Amino acid sequence: MRITLSYLGSVLLLLWSQFTWSATLKLSQDLWPPYIMNSVQGSGIAHDIVVDALISAGYDLKYSVKPWTRVLKETKSGQSDVIISLWKTEERQQFLLYTQPYMQNDMVFISLNDTKFEYESLDSLKGMKVALVNDYAYANNLRDYPDMTIVKTLDLPNSFRYLLAKKADVLVADEAVARWTAYGMKIPKGTLHYSKTYFDSTPLHAAVRKDHPEAEKIVSILNNYFKNHAQGKLEALQMLYGLKE
């Protein structure tokens, strides 16, 4: 009888530990205000939408903010499970299962106001030094354009510093993120020029590592939430974070 109880206890303990592991998701992301941030308003629009969806589905979450290169590396190696917000690339699709898009990022080129760069086509960048963040995915094969010089940067604030120091001629970023970042860096009004033409409107996704045992289930949960709840949630969050009056 002791053996039976001991055996049953071991089985129950094993099942409990497996349930706990499967129900706790590790989310990671780099700071990307106003989508991912630490502020009095909250942790950002993208964070709040994805986290609300997963908590509503009964998951316990462990969330951490890390540099973007580390986010990708640790998710690929299985140390993290979910990336909250990212753009889709063929390379990333090898190890990530993407959700449907839940927002759009409107990408603009930013220059110093005395330059007033306006984007028309990739040839507009000929001979220019363009600040691009390491490991960020840019649309329209931007990195492959041969007639510009890529200035590699660690993050968007780093790109702004290169621009202000005239070590880069332009940078490209989501307009909402760029304006929020410039405000946070106390860059004086009138210093920057935002191109009137969008470089691209890029869909924003969440993603789960493909080798997670519940990857398809998690993506399905997120897609269902995005379809049925995200629009109303997004409008409320835009007001909360001061992006809409």
C-alpha atoms as a PDB file:
ATOM      1  CA  MET A   1       0.000   0.000   0.000  1.00  0.00           C
ATOM      2  CA  ARG A   2       2.880   2.353   0.833  1.00  0.00           C
ATOM      3  CA  ILE A   3       4.407   1.658  -2.568  1.00  0.00           C
ATOM      4  CA  THR A   4       1.092   2.408  -4.286  1.00  0.00           C
ATOM      5  CA  LEU A   5       0.607   5.680  -2.405  1.00  0.00           C
ATOM      6  CA  SER A   6       4.204   6.673  -3.040  1.00  0.00           C
ATOM      7  CA  TYR A   7       3.796   5.884  -6.722  1.00  0.00           C
ATOM      8  CA  LEU A   8       0.534   7.836  -6.949  1.00  0.00           C
ATOM      9  CA  GLY A   9       2.124  10.738  -5.130  1.00  0.00           C
ATOM     10  CA  SER A  10       5.010  10.799  -7.586  1.00  0.00           C
ATOM     11  CA  VAL A  11       2.633  10.718 -10.539  1.00  0.00           C
ATOM     12  CA  LEU A  12       0.525  13.546  -9.123  1.00  0.00           C
ATOM     13  CA  LEU A  13       3.645  15.588  -8.393  1.00  0.00           C
ATOM     14  CA  LEU A  14       4.890  15.038 -11.937  1.00  0.00           C
ATOM     15  CA  LEU A  15       1.539  16.007 -13.435  1.00  0.00           C
ATOM     16  CA  TRP A  16       1.356  19.088 -11.254  1.00  0.00           C
ATOM     17  CA  SER A  17       4.861  20.215 -12.207  1.00  0.00           C
ATOM     18  CA  GLN A  18       4.113  19.708 -15.898  1.00  0.00           C
ATOM     19  CA  PHE A  19       0.887  21.688 -15.619  1.00  0.00           C
ATOM     20  CA  THR A  20       2.670  24.488 -13.786  1.00  0.00           C
ATOM     21  CA  TRP A  21       5.411  24.593 -16.426  1.00  0.00           C
ATOM     22  CA  SER A  22       3.007  24.583 -19.332  1.00  0.00           C
ATOM     23  CA  ALA A  23       0.751  27.232 -17.775  1.00  0.00           C
ATOM     24  CA  THR A  24       3.603  29.673 -17.064  1.00  0.00           C
ATOM     25  CA  LEU A  25       4.816  31.551 -20.112  1.00  0.00           C
ATOM     26  CA  LYS A  26       8.024  33.544 -20.286  1.00  0.00           C
ATOM     27  CA  LEU A  27       7.525  36.753 -22.267  1.00  0.00           C
ATOM     28  CA  SER A  28      10.370  39.048 -23.259  1.00  0.00           C
ATOM     29  CA  GLN A  29      10.730  42.266 -25.205  1.00  0.00           C
ATOM     30  CA  ASP A  30      12.985  45.281 -25.573  1.00  0.00           C
ATOM     31  CA  LEU A  31      11.818  48.740 -24.540  1.00  0.00           C
ATOM     32  CA  TRP A  32       9.949  50.287 -27.452  1.00  0.00           C
ATOM     33  CA  PRO A  33       7.756  53.152 -26.197  1.00  0.00           C
ATOM     34  CA  PRO A  34       4.839  53.632 -26.473  1.00  0.00           C
ATOM     35  CA  TYR A  35       4.368  49.942 -27.372  1.00  0.00           C
ATOM     36  CA  ILE A  36       6.678  48.529 -24.692  1.00  0.00           C
ATOM     37  CA  MET A  37       7.779  50.753 -21.820  1.00  0.00           C
ATOM     38  CA  ASN A  38       7.955  51.457 -18.102  1.00  0.00           C
ATOM     39  CA  SER A  39       5.799  54.454 -17.213  1.00  0.00           C
ATOM     40  CA  VAL A  40       3.209  55.678 -14.750  1.00  0.00           C
ATOM     41  CA  GLN A  41       0.538  54.840 -17.339  1.00  0.00           C
ATOM     42  CA  GLY A  42       1.662  51.222 -17.666  1.00  0.00           C
ATOM     43  CA  SER A  43       3.912  48.891 -19.630  1.00  0.00           C
ATOM     44  CA  GLY A  44       2.862  49.946 -23.125  1.00  0.00           C
ATOM     45  CA  ILE A  45       0.131  49.354 -25.690  1.00  0.00           C
ATOM     46  CA  ALA A  46       1.476  46.119 -27.204  1.00  0.00           C
ATOM     47  CA  HIS A  47       2.357  44.701 -23.780  1.00  0.00           C
ATOM     48  CA  ASP A  48      -1.100  45.398 -22.377  1.00  0.00           C
ATOM     49  CA  ILE A  49      -2.960  43.829 -25.318  1.00  0.00           C
ATOM     50  CA  VAL A  50      -0.922  40.599 -25.436  1.00  0.00           C
ATOM     51  CA  VAL A  51      -0.682  40.185 -21.671  1.00  0.00           C
ATOM     52  CA  ASP A  52      -4.430  40.733 -21.225  1.00  0.00           C
ATOM     53  CA  ALA A  53      -5.139  38.063 -23.841  1.00  0.00           C
ATOM     54  CA  LEU A  54      -2.898  35.469 -22.164  1.00  0.00           C
ATOM     55  CA  ILE A  55      -4.044  36.200 -18.610  1.00  0.00           C
ATOM     56  CA  SER A  56      -7.672  35.962 -19.766  1.00  0.00           C
ATOM     57  CA  ALA A  57      -6.830  32.496 -21.115  1.00  0.00           C
ATOM     58  CA  GLY A  58      -5.537  31.408 -17.693  1.00  0.00           C
ATOM     59  CA  TYR A  59      -1.781  31.608 -18.200  1.00  0.00           C
ATOM     60  CA  ASP A  60       0.656  32.727 -15.534  1.00  0.00           C
ATOM     61  CA  LEU A  61       3.248  35.043 -17.038  1.00  0.00           C
ATOM     62  CA  LYS A  62       6.864  35.897 -16.342  1.00  0.00           C
ATOM     63  CA  TYR A  63       7.756  39.101 -18.186  1.00  0.00           C
ATOM     64  CA  SER A  64      11.202  40.598 -18.690  1.00  0.00           C
ATOM     65  CA  VAL A  65      12.680  43.499 -20.653  1.00  0.00           C
ATOM     66  CA  LYS A  66      15.975  42.813 -22.444  1.00  0.00           C
ATOM     67  CA  PRO A  67      17.993  44.110 -25.407  1.00  0.00           C
ATOM     68  CA  TRP A  68      16.422  43.061 -28.709  1.00  0.00           C
ATOM     69  CA  THR A  69      19.288  40.826 -29.827  1.00  0.00           C
ATOM     70  CA  ARG A  70      19.038  38.919 -26.544  1.00  0.00           C
ATOM     71  CA  VAL A  71      15.249  38.616 -26.869  1.00  0.00           C
ATOM     72  CA  LEU A  72      15.653  36.861 -30.225  1.00  0.00           C
ATOM     73  CA  LYS A  73      18.559  34.702 -29.059  1.00  0.00           C
ATOM     74  CA  GLU A  74      16.862  33.490 -25.866  1.00  0.00           C
ATOM     75  CA  THR A  75      13.547  32.783 -27.591  1.00  0.00           C
ATOM     76  CA  LYS A  76      15.339  30.797 -30.281  1.00  0.00           C
ATOM     77  CA  SER A  77      17.211  28.764 -27.647  1.00  0.00           C
ATOM     78  CA  GLY A  78      14.061  28.070 -25.593  1.00  0.00           C
ATOM     79  CA  GLN A  79      14.917  30.298 -22.625  1.00  0.00           C
ATOM     80  CA  SER A  80      11.906  32.473 -23.450  1.00  0.00           C
ATOM     81  CA  ASP A  81       8.534  31.563 -24.987  1.00  0.00           C
ATOM     82  CA  VAL A  82       6.692  34.591 -26.361  1.00  0.00           C
ATOM     83  CA  ILE A  83       7.785  37.801 -28.068  1.00  0.00           C
ATOM     84  CA  ILE A  84       5.137  40.467 -27.607  1.00  0.00           C
ATOM     85  CA  SER A  85       5.710  42.641 -30.657  1.00  0.00           C
ATOM     86  CA  LEU A  86       7.821  42.151 -33.760  1.00  0.00           C
ATOM     87  CA  TRP A  87       7.837  42.241 -37.532  1.00  0.00           C
ATOM     88  CA  LYS A  88       7.758  39.121 -39.677  1.00  0.00           C
ATOM     89  CA  THR A  89      10.820  37.920 -41.596  1.00  0.00           C
ATOM     90  CA  GLU A  90      11.633  34.631 -43.332  1.00  0.00           C
ATOM     91  CA  GLU A  91      14.587  34.075 -41.005  1.00  0.00           C
ATOM     92  CA  ARG A  92      12.478  34.465 -37.879  1.00  0.00           C
ATOM     93  CA  GLN A  93       9.743  32.220 -39.270  1.00  0.00           C
ATOM     94  CA  GLN A  94      12.191  29.329 -39.034  1.00  0.00           C
ATOM     95  CA  PHE A  95      11.890  29.302 -35.233  1.00  0.00           C
ATOM     96  CA  LEU A  96       8.798  31.419 -34.497  1.00  0.00           C
ATOM     97  CA  LEU A  97       5.071  30.874 -35.001  1.00  0.00           C
ATOM     98  CA  TYR A  98       3.431  34.231 -35.685  1.00  0.00           C
ATOM     99  CA  THR A  99       0.011  35.544 -34.767  1.00  0.00           C
ATOM    100  CA  GLN A 100      -2.109  37.573 -37.136  1.00  0.00           C
ATOM    101  CA  PRO A 101      -1.151  41.285 -37.009  1.00  0.00           C
ATOM    102  CA  TYR A 102      -2.857  43.302 -34.287  1.00  0.00           C
ATOM    103  CA  MET A 103      -1.462  46.760 -35.132  1.00  0.00           C
ATOM    104  CA  GLN A 104       0.347  48.626 -37.897  1.00  0.00           C
ATOM    105  CA  ASN A 105       3.635  50.490 -37.561  1.00  0.00           C
ATOM    106  CA  ASP A 106       3.849  53.556 -39.812  1.00  0.00           C
ATOM    107  CA  MET A 107       7.529  53.908 -40.668  1.00  0.00           C
ATOM    108  CA  VAL A 108       9.030  57.319 -41.463  1.00  0.00           C
ATOM    109  CA  PHE A 109      12.470  58.690 -42.203  1.00  0.00           C
ATOM    110  CA  ILE A 110      13.730  61.278 -39.732  1.00  0.00           C
ATOM    111  CA  SER A 111      16.404  63.851 -40.459  1.00  0.00           C
ATOM    112  CA  LEU A 112      17.608  67.077 -38.897  1.00  0.00           C
ATOM    113  CA  ASN A 113      15.303  69.985 -39.603  1.00  0.00           C
ATOM    114  CA  ASP A 114      17.937  71.868 -41.595  1.00  0.00           C
ATOM    115  CA  THR A 115      18.089  68.911 -43.993  1.00  0.00           C
ATOM    116  CA  LYS A 116      14.346  68.173 -44.290  1.00  0.00           C
ATOM    117  CA  PHE A 117      14.845  64.845 -46.036  1.00  0.00           C
ATOM    118  CA  GLU A 118      11.762  63.613 -47.915  1.00  0.00           C
ATOM    119  CA  TYR A 119      11.550  59.966 -48.916  1.00  0.00           C
ATOM    120  CA  GLU A 120      10.366  59.174 -52.446  1.00  0.00           C
ATOM    121  CA  SER A 121      12.028  55.847 -53.247  1.00  0.00           C
ATOM    122  CA  LEU A 122      15.089  53.864 -52.192  1.00  0.00           C
ATOM    123  CA  ASP A 123      17.101  55.946 -54.632  1.00  0.00           C
ATOM    124  CA  SER A 124      16.361  58.926 -52.366  1.00  0.00           C
ATOM    125  CA  LEU A 125      18.895  57.358 -49.986  1.00  0.00           C
ATOM    126  CA  LYS A 126      21.733  57.277 -52.493  1.00  0.00           C
ATOM    127  CA  GLY A 127      24.980  58.395 -50.875  1.00  0.00           C
ATOM    128  CA  MET A 128      23.383  58.798 -47.440  1.00  0.00           C
ATOM    129  CA  LYS A 129      24.364  57.415 -44.044  1.00  0.00           C
ATOM    130  CA  VAL A 130      21.284  55.624 -42.689  1.00  0.00           C
ATOM    131  CA  ALA A 131      21.055  54.603 -39.017  1.00  0.00           C
ATOM    132  CA  LEU A 132      19.531  51.115 -38.658  1.00  0.00           C
ATOM    133  CA  VAL A 133      19.108  49.207 -35.387  1.00  0.00           C
ATOM    134  CA  ASN A 134      20.954  45.890 -35.214  1.00  0.00           C
ATOM    135  CA  ASP A 135      18.720  42.859 -35.882  1.00  0.00           C
ATOM    136  CA  TYR A 136      15.621  44.957 -36.601  1.00  0.00           C
ATOM    137  CA  ALA A 137      13.665  43.850 -39.660  1.00  0.00           C
ATOM    138  CA  TYR A 138      13.051  46.681 -42.117  1.00  0.00           C
ATOM    139  CA  ALA A 139      10.618  46.427 -45.031  1.00  0.00           C
ATOM    140  CA  ASN A 140      11.257  46.821 -48.758  1.00  0.00           C
ATOM    141  CA  ASN A 141      14.685  45.154 -48.542  1.00  0.00           C
ATOM    142  CA  LEU A 142      16.071  48.348 -47.057  1.00  0.00           C
ATOM    143  CA  ARG A 143      19.247  46.725 -45.755  1.00  0.00           C
ATOM    144  CA  ASP A 144      20.023  45.407 -49.244  1.00  0.00           C
ATOM    145  CA  TYR A 145      20.052  48.806 -50.948  1.00  0.00           C
ATOM    146  CA  PRO A 146      23.667  49.064 -52.151  1.00  0.00           C
ATOM    147  CA  ASP A 147      24.086  52.821 -52.602  1.00  0.00           C
ATOM    148  CA  MET A 148      23.702  53.903 -48.983  1.00  0.00           C
ATOM    149  CA  THR A 149      25.960  53.460 -45.957  1.00  0.00           C
ATOM    150  CA  ILE A 150      24.379  51.589 -43.046  1.00  0.00           C
ATOM    151  CA  VAL A 151      25.219  53.004 -39.626  1.00  0.00           C
ATOM    152  CA  LYS A 152      24.635  50.181 -37.136  1.00  0.00           C
ATOM    153  CA  THR A 153      23.056  51.220 -33.840  1.00  0.00           C
ATOM    154  CA  LEU A 154      22.013  49.470 -30.639  1.00  0.00           C
ATOM    155  CA  ASP A 155      18.530  50.964 -30.335  1.00  0.00           C
ATOM    156  CA  LEU A 156      16.455  53.975 -31.365  1.00  0.00           C
ATOM    157  CA  PRO A 157      17.919  56.402 -28.784  1.00  0.00           C
ATOM    158  CA  ASN A 158      21.360  55.403 -30.078  1.00  0.00           C
ATOM    159  CA  SER A 159      20.166  56.162 -33.633  1.00  0.00           C
ATOM    160  CA  PHE A 160      18.988  59.616 -32.528  1.00  0.00           C
ATOM    161  CA  ARG A 161      22.383  60.319 -30.946  1.00  0.00           C
ATOM    162  CA  TYR A 162      24.118  59.426 -34.219  1.00  0.00           C
ATOM    163  CA  LEU A 163      21.726  61.714 -36.093  1.00  0.00           C
ATOM    164  CA  LEU A 164      22.222  64.618 -33.680  1.00  0.00           C
ATOM    165  CA  ALA A 165      26.004  64.174 -33.875  1.00  0.00           C
ATOM    166  CA  LYS A 166      25.730  64.137 -37.686  1.00  0.00           C
ATOM    167  CA  LYS A 167      27.250  60.666 -37.818  1.00  0.00           C
ATOM    168  CA  ALA A 168      24.085  59.619 -39.675  1.00  0.00           C
ATOM    169  CA  ASP A 169      22.026  61.582 -42.184  1.00  0.00           C
ATOM    170  CA  VAL A 170      18.686  59.897 -41.501  1.00  0.00           C
ATOM    171  CA  LEU A 171      17.120  57.181 -39.406  1.00  0.00           C
ATOM    172  CA  VAL A 172      13.946  55.180 -39.975  1.00  0.00           C
ATOM    173  CA  ALA A 173      11.468  54.341 -37.232  1.00  0.00           C
ATOM    174  CA  ASP A 174       7.828  53.967 -36.355  1.00  0.00           C
ATOM    175  CA  GLU A 175       6.515  57.524 -36.110  1.00  0.00           C
ATOM    176  CA  ALA A 176       4.751  57.081 -32.762  1.00  0.00           C
ATOM    177  CA  VAL A 177       7.814  55.407 -31.250  1.00  0.00           C
ATOM    178  CA  ALA A 178      10.138  58.066 -32.650  1.00  0.00           C
ATOM    179  CA  ARG A 179       8.096  60.998 -31.363  1.00  0.00           C
ATOM    180  CA  TRP A 180       7.773  59.394 -27.930  1.00  0.00           C
ATOM    181  CA  THR A 181      11.517  58.644 -27.811  1.00  0.00           C
ATOM    182  CA  ALA A 182      12.505  62.143 -28.944  1.00  0.00           C
ATOM    183  CA  TYR A 183      10.238  63.623 -26.258  1.00  0.00           C
ATOM    184  CA  GLY A 184      11.802  61.368 -23.614  1.00  0.00           C
ATOM    185  CA  MET A 185      15.310  62.364 -24.738  1.00  0.00           C
ATOM    186  CA  LYS A 186      14.312  66.057 -24.460  1.00  0.00           C
ATOM    187  CA  ILE A 187      15.300  66.764 -28.055  1.00  0.00           C
ATOM    188  CA  PRO A 188      14.184  70.386 -28.593  1.00  0.00           C
ATOM    189  CA  LYS A 189      11.145  71.005 -30.769  1.00  0.00           C
ATOM    190  CA  GLY A 190      12.095  72.020 -34.279  1.00  0.00           C
ATOM    191  CA  THR A 191      15.275  69.921 -34.276  1.00  0.00           C
ATOM    192  CA  LEU A 192      13.848  66.990 -36.219  1.00  0.00           C
ATOM    193  CA  HIS A 193      12.017  66.596 -39.507  1.00  0.00           C
ATOM    194  CA  TYR A 194       9.645  63.661 -40.103  1.00  0.00           C
ATOM    195  CA  SER A 195       9.188  62.731 -43.755  1.00  0.00           C
ATOM    196  CA  LYS A 196       5.649  63.268 -45.011  1.00  0.00           C
ATOM    197  CA  THR A 197       5.676  60.028 -47.012  1.00  0.00           C
ATOM    198  CA  TYR A 198       5.677  56.758 -45.084  1.00  0.00           C
ATOM    199  CA  PHE A 199       8.481  54.386 -45.966  1.00  0.00           C
ATOM    200  CA  ASP A 200       6.179  51.511 -45.114  1.00  0.00           C
ATOM    201  CA  SER A 201       3.218  50.529 -42.993  1.00  0.00           C
ATOM    202  CA  THR A 202       4.428  47.363 -41.307  1.00  0.00           C
ATOM    203  CA  PRO A 203       2.133  44.816 -39.594  1.00  0.00           C
ATOM    204  CA  LEU A 204       2.951  44.163 -35.944  1.00  0.00           C
ATOM    205  CA  HIS A 205       2.659  40.583 -34.649  1.00  0.00           C
ATOM    206  CA  ALA A 206       3.238  38.567 -31.503  1.00  0.00           C
ATOM    207  CA  ALA A 207       5.095  35.264 -31.851  1.00  0.00           C
ATOM    208  CA  VAL A 208       5.716  32.012 -29.966  1.00  0.00           C
ATOM    209  CA  ARG A 209       8.749  29.782 -30.354  1.00  0.00           C
ATOM    210  CA  LYS A 210       7.791  26.878 -32.599  1.00  0.00           C
ATOM    211  CA  ASP A 211       9.179  24.183 -30.292  1.00  0.00           C
ATOM    212  CA  HIS A 212       6.969  25.232 -27.372  1.00  0.00           C
ATOM    213  CA  PRO A 213       4.489  22.352 -26.803  1.00  0.00           C
ATOM    214  CA  GLU A 214       1.520  24.751 -26.775  1.00  0.00           C
ATOM    215  CA  ALA A 215       2.702  27.064 -29.562  1.00  0.00           C
ATOM    216  CA  GLU A 216      -0.296  26.541 -31.848  1.00  0.00           C
ATOM    217  CA  LYS A 217      -2.737  26.822 -28.947  1.00  0.00           C
ATOM    218  CA  ILE A 218      -1.184  30.077 -27.733  1.00  0.00           C
ATOM    219  CA  VAL A 219      -1.227  31.598 -31.221  1.00  0.00           C
ATOM    220  CA  SER A 220      -4.874  30.555 -31.623  1.00  0.00           C
ATOM    221  CA  ILE A 221      -5.780  32.183 -28.289  1.00  0.00           C
ATOM    222  CA  LEU A 222      -4.044  35.403 -29.276  1.00  0.00           C
ATOM    223  CA  ASN A 223      -5.609  35.471 -32.746  1.00  0.00           C
ATOM    224  CA  ASN A 224      -9.068  34.985 -31.278  1.00  0.00           C
ATOM    225  CA  TYR A 225      -8.485  37.808 -28.794  1.00  0.00           C
ATOM    226  CA  PHE A 226      -7.141  40.125 -31.486  1.00  0.00           C
ATOM    227  CA  LYS A 227     -10.167  39.420 -33.684  1.00  0.00           C
ATOM    228  CA  ASN A 228     -12.798  39.929 -31.001  1.00  0.00           C
ATOM    229  CA  HIS A 229     -11.347  42.353 -28.462  1.00  0.00           C
ATOM    230  CA  ALA A 230      -8.192  44.098 -29.690  1.00  0.00           C
ATOM    231  CA  GLN A 231      -9.802  47.022 -31.520  1.00  0.00           C
ATOM    232  CA  GLY A 232     -11.739  48.261 -28.508  1.00  0.00           C
ATOM    233  CA  LYS A 233      -8.780  47.595 -26.234  1.00  0.00           C
ATOM    234  CA  LEU A 234      -6.435  49.402 -28.622  1.00  0.00           C
ATOM    235  CA  GLU A 235      -8.588  52.538 -28.717  1.00  0.00           C
ATOM    236  CA  ALA A 236      -8.766  52.648 -24.918  1.00  0.00           C
ATOM    237  CA  LEU A 237      -5.000  52.173 -24.616  1.00  0.00           C
ATOM    238  CA  GLN A 238      -4.256  54.875 -27.184  1.00  0.00           C
ATOM    239  CA  MET A 239      -6.191  57.300 -25.000  1.00  0.00           C
ATOM    240  CA  LEU A 240      -4.470  56.020 -21.844  1.00  0.00           C
ATOM    241  CA  TYR A 241      -1.002  56.517 -23.323  1.00  0.00           C
ATOM    242  CA  GLY A 242      -1.813  59.909 -24.817  1.00  0.00           C
ATOM    243  CA  LEU A 243      -1.745  58.912 -28.490  1.00  0.00           C
ATOM    244  CA  LYS A 244      -5.378  59.798 -29.132  1.00  0.00           C
ATOM    245  CA  GLU A 245      -7.578  62.509 -27.684  1.00  0.00           C
END
